[in-house]
Amino acid sequence: ADPPVIIENPVYGSLTPKFINFAAPGMMVSIIFFLATGLTGLIFVVEKKEGVLERSWIAGVTTIEVMFAHIIVKFFIQIIQIILLLTFTDYVFKVRCRFL
């Protein structure tokens, strides 16, 4: 009997894809996530150790202001990291990732 699934020629890619095509997007997301998490944790530890956070509280800075300041700074750092990661992945390592 015939199998219920018929394998035809793929519209995009090939019948024998490379492992890097599956692994690269997951690795990129992991790198972005762990860099952001590690950097955020490190900055909070350094602020706590040097007493910057306590000085901010004494100066009258609210929790919301501290959080917004961190979010804004981390956002721009994250954008730079994403641009660097995508640039290195595409042009240096020659791994083509099609997102759309």
PDB file of N, CA and C in Angstrom:
ATOM      1  N   ALA A   1       0.837  -1.171   0.000  1.00  0.00           N
ATOM      2  CA  ALA A   1       0.000   0.000   0.000  1.00  0.00           C
ATOM      3  C   ALA A   1       0.884   1.235   0.000  1.00  0.00           C
ATOM      4  N   ASP A   2       0.315   2.314  -0.457  1.00  0.00           N
ATOM      5  CA  ASP A   2       1.052   3.571  -0.526  1.00  0.00           C
ATOM      6  C   ASP A   2       1.051   4.247   0.846  1.00  0.00           C
ATOM      7  N   PRO A   3       2.161   4.933   1.179  1.00  0.00           N
ATOM      8  CA  PRO A   3       2.189   5.654   2.462  1.00  0.00           C
ATOM      9  C   PRO A   3       1.207   6.824   2.434  1.00  0.00           C
ATOM     10  N   PRO A   4       0.681   7.194   3.600  1.00  0.00           N
ATOM     11  CA  PRO A   4      -0.307   8.275   3.642  1.00  0.00           C
ATOM     12  C   PRO A   4       0.293   9.662   3.391  1.00  0.00           C
ATOM     13  N   VAL A   5       1.614   9.793   3.508  1.00  0.00           N
ATOM     14  CA  VAL A   5       2.269  11.085   3.312  1.00  0.00           C
ATOM     15  C   VAL A   5       3.136  11.007   2.067  1.00  0.00           C
ATOM     16  N   ILE A   6       2.984  11.974   1.200  1.00  0.00           N
ATOM     17  CA  ILE A   6       3.790  12.027  -0.016  1.00  0.00           C
ATOM     18  C   ILE A   6       4.808  13.152   0.146  1.00  0.00           C
ATOM     19  N   ILE A   7       6.086  12.825   0.013  1.00  0.00           N
ATOM     20  CA  ILE A   7       7.147  13.818   0.145  1.00  0.00           C
ATOM     21  C   ILE A   7       7.454  14.367  -1.239  1.00  0.00           C
ATOM     22  N   GLU A   8       7.256  15.660  -1.383  1.00  0.00           N
ATOM     23  CA  GLU A   8       7.535  16.321  -2.650  1.00  0.00           C
ATOM     24  C   GLU A   8       8.733  17.242  -2.484  1.00  0.00           C
ATOM     25  N   ASN A   9       9.112  17.896  -3.570  1.00  0.00           N
ATOM     26  CA  ASN A   9      10.230  18.832  -3.505  1.00  0.00           C
ATOM     27  C   ASN A   9       9.861  20.015  -2.613  1.00  0.00           C
ATOM     28  N   PRO A  10      10.790  20.444  -1.757  1.00  0.00           N
ATOM     29  CA  PRO A  10      10.488  21.558  -0.861  1.00  0.00           C
ATOM     30  C   PRO A  10      10.379  22.883  -1.617  1.00  0.00           C
ATOM     31  N   VAL A  11       9.537  23.755  -1.109  1.00  0.00           N
ATOM     32  CA  VAL A  11       9.390  25.076  -1.716  1.00  0.00           C
ATOM     33  C   VAL A  11      10.619  25.919  -1.396  1.00  0.00           C
ATOM     34  N   TYR A  12      11.074  25.894  -0.137  1.00  0.00           N
ATOM     35  CA  TYR A  12      12.272  26.611   0.284  1.00  0.00           C
ATOM     36  C   TYR A  12      13.266  25.607   0.846  1.00  0.00           C
ATOM     37  N   GLY A  13      14.539  25.796   0.579  1.00  0.00           N
ATOM     38  CA  GLY A  13      15.562  24.932   1.141  1.00  0.00           C
ATOM     39  C   GLY A  13      15.793  23.691   0.307  1.00  0.00           C
ATOM     40  N   SER A  14      16.258  22.647   0.978  1.00  0.00           N
ATOM     41  CA  SER A  14      16.563  21.397   0.289  1.00  0.00           C
ATOM     42  C   SER A  14      16.016  20.223   1.092  1.00  0.00           C
ATOM     43  N   LEU A  15      16.096  19.052   0.491  1.00  0.00           N
ATOM     44  CA  LEU A  15      15.635  17.843   1.184  1.00  0.00           C
ATOM     45  C   LEU A  15      16.602  17.417   2.282  1.00  0.00           C
ATOM     46  N   THR A  16      17.847  17.839   2.183  1.00  0.00           N
ATOM     47  CA  THR A  16      18.854  17.489   3.187  1.00  0.00           C
ATOM     48  C   THR A  16      19.391  18.765   3.838  1.00  0.00           C
ATOM     49  N   PRO A  17      18.648  19.336   4.789  1.00  0.00           N
ATOM     50  CA  PRO A  17      19.113  20.568   5.435  1.00  0.00           C
ATOM     51  C   PRO A  17      20.298  20.294   6.360  1.00  0.00           C
ATOM     52  N   LYS A  18      21.099  21.324   6.584  1.00  0.00           N
ATOM     53  CA  LYS A  18      22.246  21.213   7.482  1.00  0.00           C
ATOM     54  C   LYS A  18      21.789  21.417   8.929  1.00  0.00           C
ATOM     55  N   PHE A  19      22.530  20.843   9.844  1.00  0.00           N
ATOM     56  CA  PHE A  19      22.197  20.963  11.266  1.00  0.00           C
ATOM     57  C   PHE A  19      22.264  22.411  11.735  1.00  0.00           C
ATOM     58  N   ILE A  20      23.206  23.172  11.203  1.00  0.00           N
ATOM     59  CA  ILE A  20      23.382  24.558  11.640  1.00  0.00           C
ATOM     60  C   ILE A  20      22.139  25.385  11.354  1.00  0.00           C
ATOM     61  N   ASN A  21      21.387  25.026  10.317  1.00  0.00           N
ATOM     62  CA  ASN A  21      20.165  25.767  10.002  1.00  0.00           C
ATOM     63  C   ASN A  21      19.100  25.592  11.087  1.00  0.00           C
ATOM     64  N   PHE A  22      19.130  24.466  11.774  1.00  0.00           N
ATOM     65  CA  PHE A  22      18.198  24.252  12.881  1.00  0.00           C
ATOM     66  C   PHE A  22      18.752  24.818  14.186  1.00  0.00           C
ATOM     67  N   ALA A  23      20.059  24.697  14.379  1.00  0.00           N
ATOM     68  CA  ALA A  23      20.669  25.060  15.652  1.00  0.00           C
ATOM     69  C   ALA A  23      20.913  26.559  15.799  1.00  0.00           C
ATOM     70  N   ALA A  24      21.201  27.247  14.705  1.00  0.00           N
ATOM     71  CA  ALA A  24      21.586  28.666  14.790  1.00  0.00           C
ATOM     72  C   ALA A  24      20.515  29.555  15.426  1.00  0.00           C
ATOM     73  N   PRO A  25      19.244  29.473  15.027  1.00  0.00           N
ATOM     74  CA  PRO A  25      18.255  30.360  15.668  1.00  0.00           C
ATOM     75  C   PRO A  25      18.117  30.121  17.170  1.00  0.00           C
ATOM     76  N   GLY A  26      18.134  28.881  17.593  1.00  0.00           N
ATOM     77  CA  GLY A  26      18.044  28.586  19.022  1.00  0.00           C
ATOM     78  C   GLY A  26      19.249  29.087  19.794  1.00  0.00           C
ATOM     79  N   MET A  27      20.433  28.921  19.205  1.00  0.00           N
ATOM     80  CA  MET A  27      21.636  29.427  19.863  1.00  0.00           C
ATOM     81  C   MET A  27      21.618  30.949  19.945  1.00  0.00           C
ATOM     82  N   MET A  28      21.134  31.596  18.904  1.00  0.00           N
ATOM     83  CA  MET A  28      21.078  33.059  18.913  1.00  0.00           C
ATOM     84  C   MET A  28      20.135  33.558  20.002  1.00  0.00           C
ATOM     85  N   VAL A  29      18.982  32.943  20.133  1.00  0.00           N
ATOM     86  CA  VAL A  29      18.031  33.348  21.172  1.00  0.00           C
ATOM     87  C   VAL A  29      18.623  33.092  22.557  1.00  0.00           C
ATOM     88  N   SER A  30      19.305  31.960  22.726  1.00  0.00           N
ATOM     89  CA  SER A  30      19.930  31.655  24.020  1.00  0.00           C
ATOM     90  C   SER A  30      21.010  32.667  24.365  1.00  0.00           C
ATOM     91  N   ILE A  31      21.839  33.014  23.386  1.00  0.00           N
ATOM     92  CA  ILE A  31      22.904  33.989  23.625  1.00  0.00           C
ATOM     93  C   ILE A  31      22.311  35.329  24.033  1.00  0.00           C
ATOM     94  N   ILE A  32      21.307  35.782  23.306  1.00  0.00           N
ATOM     95  CA  ILE A  32      20.682  37.069  23.619  1.00  0.00           C
ATOM     96  C   ILE A  32      20.066  37.041  25.019  1.00  0.00           C
ATOM     97  N   PHE A  33      19.366  35.965  25.343  1.00  0.00           N
ATOM     98  CA  PHE A  33      18.708  35.866  26.653  1.00  0.00           C
ATOM     99  C   PHE A  33      19.719  35.851  27.790  1.00  0.00           C
ATOM    100  N   PHE A  34      20.753  35.001  27.672  1.00  0.00           N
ATOM    101  CA  PHE A  34      21.696  34.873  28.776  1.00  0.00           C
ATOM    102  C   PHE A  34      22.594  36.091  28.914  1.00  0.00           C
ATOM    103  N   LEU A  35      22.922  36.765  27.824  1.00  0.00           N
ATOM    104  CA  LEU A  35      23.680  38.008  27.944  1.00  0.00           C
ATOM    105  C   LEU A  35      22.868  39.065  28.680  1.00  0.00           C
ATOM    106  N   ALA A  36      21.598  39.171  28.338  1.00  0.00           N
ATOM    107  CA  ALA A  36      20.747  40.162  29.003  1.00  0.00           C
ATOM    108  C   ALA A  36      20.569  39.824  30.477  1.00  0.00           C
ATOM    109  N   THR A  37      20.316  38.571  30.779  1.00  0.00           N
ATOM    110  CA  THR A  37      20.112  38.156  32.167  1.00  0.00           C
ATOM    111  C   THR A  37      21.382  38.337  32.995  1.00  0.00           C
ATOM    112  N   GLY A  38      22.500  37.907  32.452  1.00  0.00           N
ATOM    113  CA  GLY A  38      23.766  38.034  33.170  1.00  0.00           C
ATOM    114  C   GLY A  38      24.173  39.470  33.400  1.00  0.00           C
ATOM    115  N   LEU A  39      24.008  40.302  32.371  1.00  0.00           N
ATOM    116  CA  LEU A  39      24.368  41.712  32.507  1.00  0.00           C
ATOM    117  C   LEU A  39      23.486  42.412  33.535  1.00  0.00           C
ATOM    118  N   THR A  40      22.207  42.123  33.511  1.00  0.00           N
ATOM    119  CA  THR A  40      21.294  42.732  34.479  1.00  0.00           C
ATOM    120  C   THR A  40      21.651  42.319  35.902  1.00  0.00           C
ATOM    121  N   GLY A  41      21.869  41.049  36.108  1.00  0.00           N
ATOM    122  CA  GLY A  41      22.251  40.572  37.439  1.00  0.00           C
ATOM    123  C   GLY A  41      23.563  41.165  37.907  1.00  0.00           C
ATOM    124  N   LEU A  42      24.538  41.238  37.013  1.00  0.00           N
ATOM    125  CA  LEU A  42      25.841  41.795  37.370  1.00  0.00           C
ATOM    126  C   LEU A  42      25.734  43.265  37.761  1.00  0.00           C
ATOM    127  N   ILE A  43      24.958  44.025  37.022  1.00  0.00           N
ATOM    128  CA  ILE A  43      24.810  45.449  37.333  1.00  0.00           C
ATOM    129  C   ILE A  43      24.119  45.641  38.683  1.00  0.00           C
ATOM    130  N   PHE A  44      23.103  44.834  38.977  1.00  0.00           N
ATOM    131  CA  PHE A  44      22.436  44.949  40.277  1.00  0.00           C
ATOM    132  C   PHE A  44      23.379  44.582  41.423  1.00  0.00           C
ATOM    133  N   VAL A  45      24.205  43.565  41.230  1.00  0.00           N
ATOM    134  CA  VAL A  45      25.149  43.165  42.276  1.00  0.00           C
ATOM    135  C   VAL A  45      26.184  44.263  42.506  1.00  0.00           C
ATOM    136  N   VAL A  46      26.719  44.828  41.424  1.00  0.00           N
ATOM    137  CA  VAL A  46      27.717  45.896  41.559  1.00  0.00           C
ATOM    138  C   VAL A  46      27.105  47.125  42.231  1.00  0.00           C
ATOM    139  N   GLU A  47      25.876  47.475  41.843  1.00  0.00           N
ATOM    140  CA  GLU A  47      25.207  48.617  42.479  1.00  0.00           C
ATOM    141  C   GLU A  47      25.000  48.373  43.969  1.00  0.00           C
ATOM    142  N   LYS A  48      24.607  47.177  44.323  1.00  0.00           N
ATOM    143  CA  LYS A  48      24.375  46.845  45.737  1.00  0.00           C
ATOM    144  C   LYS A  48      25.698  46.872  46.511  1.00  0.00           C
ATOM    145  N   LYS A  49      26.747  46.320  45.899  1.00  0.00           N
ATOM    146  CA  LYS A  49      28.043  46.246  46.575  1.00  0.00           C
ATOM    147  C   LYS A  49      28.651  47.629  46.787  1.00  0.00           C
ATOM    148  N   GLU A  50      28.518  48.513  45.806  1.00  0.00           N
ATOM    149  CA  GLU A  50      29.115  49.843  45.909  1.00  0.00           C
ATOM    150  C   GLU A  50      28.214  50.842  46.633  1.00  0.00           C
ATOM    151  N   GLY A  51      27.001  50.443  46.962  1.00  0.00           N
ATOM    152  CA  GLY A  51      26.113  51.309  47.711  1.00  0.00           C
ATOM    153  C   GLY A  51      25.372  52.336  46.871  1.00  0.00           C
ATOM    154  N   VAL A  52      25.385  52.163  45.556  1.00  0.00           N
ATOM    155  CA  VAL A  52      24.708  53.123  44.677  1.00  0.00           C
ATOM    156  C   VAL A  52      23.206  53.090  44.909  1.00  0.00           C
ATOM    157  N   LEU A  53      22.672  51.908  45.117  1.00  0.00           N
ATOM    158  CA  LEU A  53      21.229  51.774  45.307  1.00  0.00           C
ATOM    159  C   LEU A  53      20.769  52.479  46.589  1.00  0.00           C
ATOM    160  N   GLU A  54      21.522  52.303  47.673  1.00  0.00           N
ATOM    161  CA  GLU A  54      21.157  52.959  48.927  1.00  0.00           C
ATOM    162  C   GLU A  54      21.247  54.479  48.802  1.00  0.00           C
ATOM    163  N   ARG A  55      22.290  54.961  48.116  1.00  0.00           N
ATOM    164  CA  ARG A  55      22.420  56.406  47.914  1.00  0.00           C
ATOM    165  C   ARG A  55      21.271  56.942  47.077  1.00  0.00           C
ATOM    166  N   SER A  56      20.810  56.138  46.122  1.00  0.00           N
ATOM    167  CA  SER A  56      19.665  56.560  45.305  1.00  0.00           C
ATOM    168  C   SER A  56      18.411  56.663  46.158  1.00  0.00           C
ATOM    169  N   TRP A  57      18.193  55.675  47.047  1.00  0.00           N
ATOM    170  CA  TRP A  57      17.008  55.721  47.915  1.00  0.00           C
ATOM    171  C   TRP A  57      17.058  56.950  48.816  1.00  0.00           C
ATOM    172  N   ILE A  58      18.243  57.228  49.372  1.00  0.00           N
ATOM    173  CA  ILE A  58      18.384  58.375  50.273  1.00  0.00           C
ATOM    174  C   ILE A  58      18.157  59.689  49.525  1.00  0.00           C
ATOM    175  N   ALA A  59      18.562  59.733  48.257  1.00  0.00           N
ATOM    176  CA  ALA A  59      18.389  60.954  47.458  1.00  0.00           C
ATOM    177  C   ALA A  59      16.941  61.172  47.041  1.00  0.00           C
ATOM    178  N   GLY A  60      16.087  60.188  47.293  1.00  0.00           N
ATOM    179  CA  GLY A  60      14.673  60.360  46.988  1.00  0.00           C
ATOM    180  C   GLY A  60      14.216  59.725  45.690  1.00  0.00           C
ATOM    181  N   VAL A  61      15.053  58.890  45.103  1.00  0.00           N
ATOM    182  CA  VAL A  61      14.673  58.206  43.866  1.00  0.00           C
ATOM    183  C   VAL A  61      13.699  57.081  44.216  1.00  0.00           C
ATOM    184  N   THR A  62      12.635  56.964  43.447  1.00  0.00           N
ATOM    185  CA  THR A  62      11.644  55.919  43.715  1.00  0.00           C
ATOM    186  C   THR A  62      12.028  54.624  43.008  1.00  0.00           C
ATOM    187  N   THR A  63      11.372  53.552  43.407  1.00  0.00           N
ATOM    188  CA  THR A  63      11.620  52.249  42.794  1.00  0.00           C
ATOM    189  C   THR A  63      11.274  52.262  41.312  1.00  0.00           C
ATOM    190  N   ILE A  64      10.194  52.917  40.963  1.00  0.00           N
ATOM    191  CA  ILE A  64       9.771  52.989  39.559  1.00  0.00           C
ATOM    192  C   ILE A  64      10.829  53.699  38.718  1.00  0.00           C
ATOM    193  N   GLU A  65      11.405  54.767  39.247  1.00  0.00           N
ATOM    194  CA  GLU A  65      12.436  55.502  38.509  1.00  0.00           C
ATOM    195  C   GLU A  65      13.681  54.651  38.290  1.00  0.00           C
ATOM    196  N   VAL A  66      14.066  53.901  39.308  1.00  0.00           N
ATOM    197  CA  VAL A  66      15.223  53.010  39.167  1.00  0.00           C
ATOM    198  C   VAL A  66      14.940  51.944  38.118  1.00  0.00           C
ATOM    199  N   MET A  67      13.754  51.361  38.171  1.00  0.00           N
ATOM    200  CA  MET A  67      13.415  50.308  37.212  1.00  0.00           C
ATOM    201  C   MET A  67      13.352  50.847  35.785  1.00  0.00           C
ATOM    202  N   PHE A  68      12.735  52.020  35.601  1.00  0.00           N
ATOM    203  CA  PHE A  68      12.679  52.602  34.258  1.00  0.00           C
ATOM    204  C   PHE A  68      14.072  52.943  33.741  1.00  0.00           C
ATOM    205  N   ALA A  69      14.940  53.434  34.616  1.00  0.00           N
ATOM    206  CA  ALA A  69      16.312  53.738  34.203  1.00  0.00           C
ATOM    207  C   ALA A  69      17.023  52.475  33.739  1.00  0.00           C
ATOM    208  N   HIS A  70      16.851  51.387  34.486  1.00  0.00           N
ATOM    209  CA  HIS A  70      17.474  50.124  34.097  1.00  0.00           C
ATOM    210  C   HIS A  70      16.879  49.595  32.794  1.00  0.00           C
ATOM    211  N   ILE A  71      15.580  49.682  32.658  1.00  0.00           N
ATOM    212  CA  ILE A  71      14.928  49.177  31.444  1.00  0.00           C
ATOM    213  C   ILE A  71      15.396  49.939  30.216  1.00  0.00           C
ATOM    214  N   ILE A  72      15.487  51.256  30.320  1.00  0.00           N
ATOM    215  CA  ILE A  72      15.912  52.059  29.170  1.00  0.00           C
ATOM    216  C   ILE A  72      17.352  51.737  28.784  1.00  0.00           C
ATOM    217  N   VAL A  73      18.235  51.667  29.767  1.00  0.00           N
ATOM    218  CA  VAL A  73      19.639  51.365  29.481  1.00  0.00           C
ATOM    219  C   VAL A  73      19.781  49.962  28.906  1.00  0.00           C
ATOM    220  N   LYS A  74      19.116  48.990  29.514  1.00  0.00           N
ATOM    221  CA  LYS A  74      19.215  47.608  29.039  1.00  0.00           C
ATOM    222  C   LYS A  74      18.632  47.458  27.632  1.00  0.00           C
ATOM    223  N   PHE A  75      17.595  48.232  27.328  1.00  0.00           N
ATOM    224  CA  PHE A  75      16.982  48.171  26.001  1.00  0.00           C
ATOM    225  C   PHE A  75      18.002  48.550  24.932  1.00  0.00           C
ATOM    226  N   PHE A  76      18.704  49.650  25.140  1.00  0.00           N
ATOM    227  CA  PHE A  76      19.672  50.077  24.135  1.00  0.00           C
ATOM    228  C   PHE A  76      20.870  49.139  24.065  1.00  0.00           C
ATOM    229  N   ILE A  77      21.317  48.631  25.198  1.00  0.00           N
ATOM    230  CA  ILE A  77      22.402  47.649  25.188  1.00  0.00           C
ATOM    231  C   ILE A  77      21.962  46.391  24.453  1.00  0.00           C
ATOM    232  N   GLN A  78      20.726  45.959  24.688  1.00  0.00           N
ATOM    233  CA  GLN A  78      20.199  44.761  24.038  1.00  0.00           C
ATOM    234  C   GLN A  78      20.094  44.953  22.527  1.00  0.00           C
ATOM    235  N   ILE A  79      19.669  46.126  22.087  1.00  0.00           N
ATOM    236  CA  ILE A  79      19.583  46.403  20.649  1.00  0.00           C
ATOM    237  C   ILE A  79      20.965  46.296  20.011  1.00  0.00           C
ATOM    238  N   ILE A  80      21.980  46.857  20.666  1.00  0.00           N
ATOM    239  CA  ILE A  80      23.347  46.776  20.143  1.00  0.00           C
ATOM    240  C   ILE A  80      23.811  45.328  20.094  1.00  0.00           C
ATOM    241  N   GLN A  81      23.524  44.540  21.127  1.00  0.00           N
ATOM    242  CA  GLN A  81      23.920  43.133  21.143  1.00  0.00           C
ATOM    243  C   GLN A  81      23.226  42.347  20.041  1.00  0.00           C
ATOM    244  N   ILE A  82      21.962  42.617  19.805  1.00  0.00           N
ATOM    245  CA  ILE A  82      21.227  41.907  18.755  1.00  0.00           C
ATOM    246  C   ILE A  82      21.792  42.254  17.386  1.00  0.00           C
ATOM    247  N   ILE A  83      22.079  43.530  17.158  1.00  0.00           N
ATOM    248  CA  ILE A  83      22.653  43.936  15.872  1.00  0.00           C
ATOM    249  C   ILE A  83      24.008  43.269  15.662  1.00  0.00           C
ATOM    250  N   LEU A  84      24.851  43.257  16.691  1.00  0.00           N
ATOM    251  CA  LEU A  84      26.154  42.598  16.576  1.00  0.00           C
ATOM    252  C   LEU A  84      26.008  41.103  16.332  1.00  0.00           C
ATOM    253  N   LEU A  85      25.100  40.460  17.045  1.00  0.00           N
ATOM    254  CA  LEU A  85      24.899  39.023  16.880  1.00  0.00           C
ATOM    255  C   LEU A  85      24.431  38.687  15.473  1.00  0.00           C
ATOM    256  N   LEU A  86      23.450  39.418  14.972  1.00  0.00           N
ATOM    257  CA  LEU A  86      22.953  39.149  13.622  1.00  0.00           C
ATOM    258  C   LEU A  86      24.010  39.451  12.567  1.00  0.00           C
ATOM    259  N   THR A  87      24.793  40.502  12.770  1.00  0.00           N
ATOM    260  CA  THR A  87      25.858  40.838  11.825  1.00  0.00           C
ATOM    261  C   THR A  87      26.920  39.752  11.799  1.00  0.00           C
ATOM    262  N   PHE A  88      27.372  39.317  12.970  1.00  0.00           N
ATOM    263  CA  PHE A  88      28.386  38.268  13.015  1.00  0.00           C
ATOM    264  C   PHE A  88      27.856  36.962  12.438  1.00  0.00           C
ATOM    265  N   THR A  89      26.625  36.621  12.762  1.00  0.00           N
ATOM    266  CA  THR A  89      26.050  35.374  12.265  1.00  0.00           C
ATOM    267  C   THR A  89      25.966  35.377  10.749  1.00  0.00           C
ATOM    268  N   ASP A  90      25.540  36.485  10.187  1.00  0.00           N
ATOM    269  CA  ASP A  90      25.326  36.550   8.744  1.00  0.00           C
ATOM    270  C   ASP A  90      26.618  36.747   7.970  1.00  0.00           C
ATOM    271  N   TYR A  91      27.439  37.712   8.360  1.00  0.00           N
ATOM    272  CA  TYR A  91      28.586  38.090   7.543  1.00  0.00           C
ATOM    273  C   TYR A  91      29.887  37.414   7.939  1.00  0.00           C
ATOM    274  N   VAL A  92      30.094  37.135   9.202  1.00  0.00           N
ATOM    275  CA  VAL A  92      31.348  36.520   9.628  1.00  0.00           C
ATOM    276  C   VAL A  92      31.258  35.001   9.560  1.00  0.00           C
ATOM    277  N   PHE A  93      30.192  34.422  10.129  1.00  0.00           N
ATOM    278  CA  PHE A  93      30.061  32.972  10.163  1.00  0.00           C
ATOM    279  C   PHE A  93      29.316  32.407   8.962  1.00  0.00           C
ATOM    280  N   LYS A  94      28.738  33.271   8.142  1.00  0.00           N
ATOM    281  CA  LYS A  94      28.035  32.884   6.908  1.00  0.00           C
ATOM    282  C   LYS A  94      26.876  31.924   7.161  1.00  0.00           C
ATOM    283  N   VAL A  95      26.165  32.120   8.265  1.00  0.00           N
ATOM    284  CA  VAL A  95      24.969  31.330   8.548  1.00  0.00           C
ATOM    285  C   VAL A  95      23.778  32.168   8.139  1.00  0.00           C
ATOM    286  N   ARG A  96      23.038  31.704   7.171  1.00  0.00           N
ATOM    287  CA  ARG A  96      21.898  32.454   6.662  1.00  0.00           C
ATOM    288  C   ARG A  96      20.650  32.072   7.454  1.00  0.00           C
ATOM    289  N   CYS A  97      20.084  33.046   8.135  1.00  0.00           N
ATOM    290  CA  CYS A  97      18.841  32.839   8.871  1.00  0.00           C
ATOM    291  C   CYS A  97      17.768  33.695   8.233  1.00  0.00           C
ATOM    292  N   ARG A  98      16.743  33.066   7.743  1.00  0.00           N
ATOM    293  CA  ARG A  98      15.632  33.806   7.149  1.00  0.00           C
ATOM    294  C   ARG A  98      14.529  33.887   8.183  1.00  0.00           C
ATOM    295  N   PHE A  99      14.214  35.095   8.593  1.00  0.00           N
ATOM    296  CA  PHE A  99      13.230  35.285   9.653  1.00  0.00           C
ATOM    297  C   PHE A  99      11.836  35.502   9.106  1.00  0.00           C
ATOM    298  N   LEU A 100      11.719  35.931   7.884  1.00  0.00           N
ATOM    299  CA  LEU A 100      10.405  36.183   7.306  1.00  0.00           C
ATOM    300  C   LEU A 100      10.150  35.238   6.156  1.00  0.00           C
TER     301      LEU A 100
END
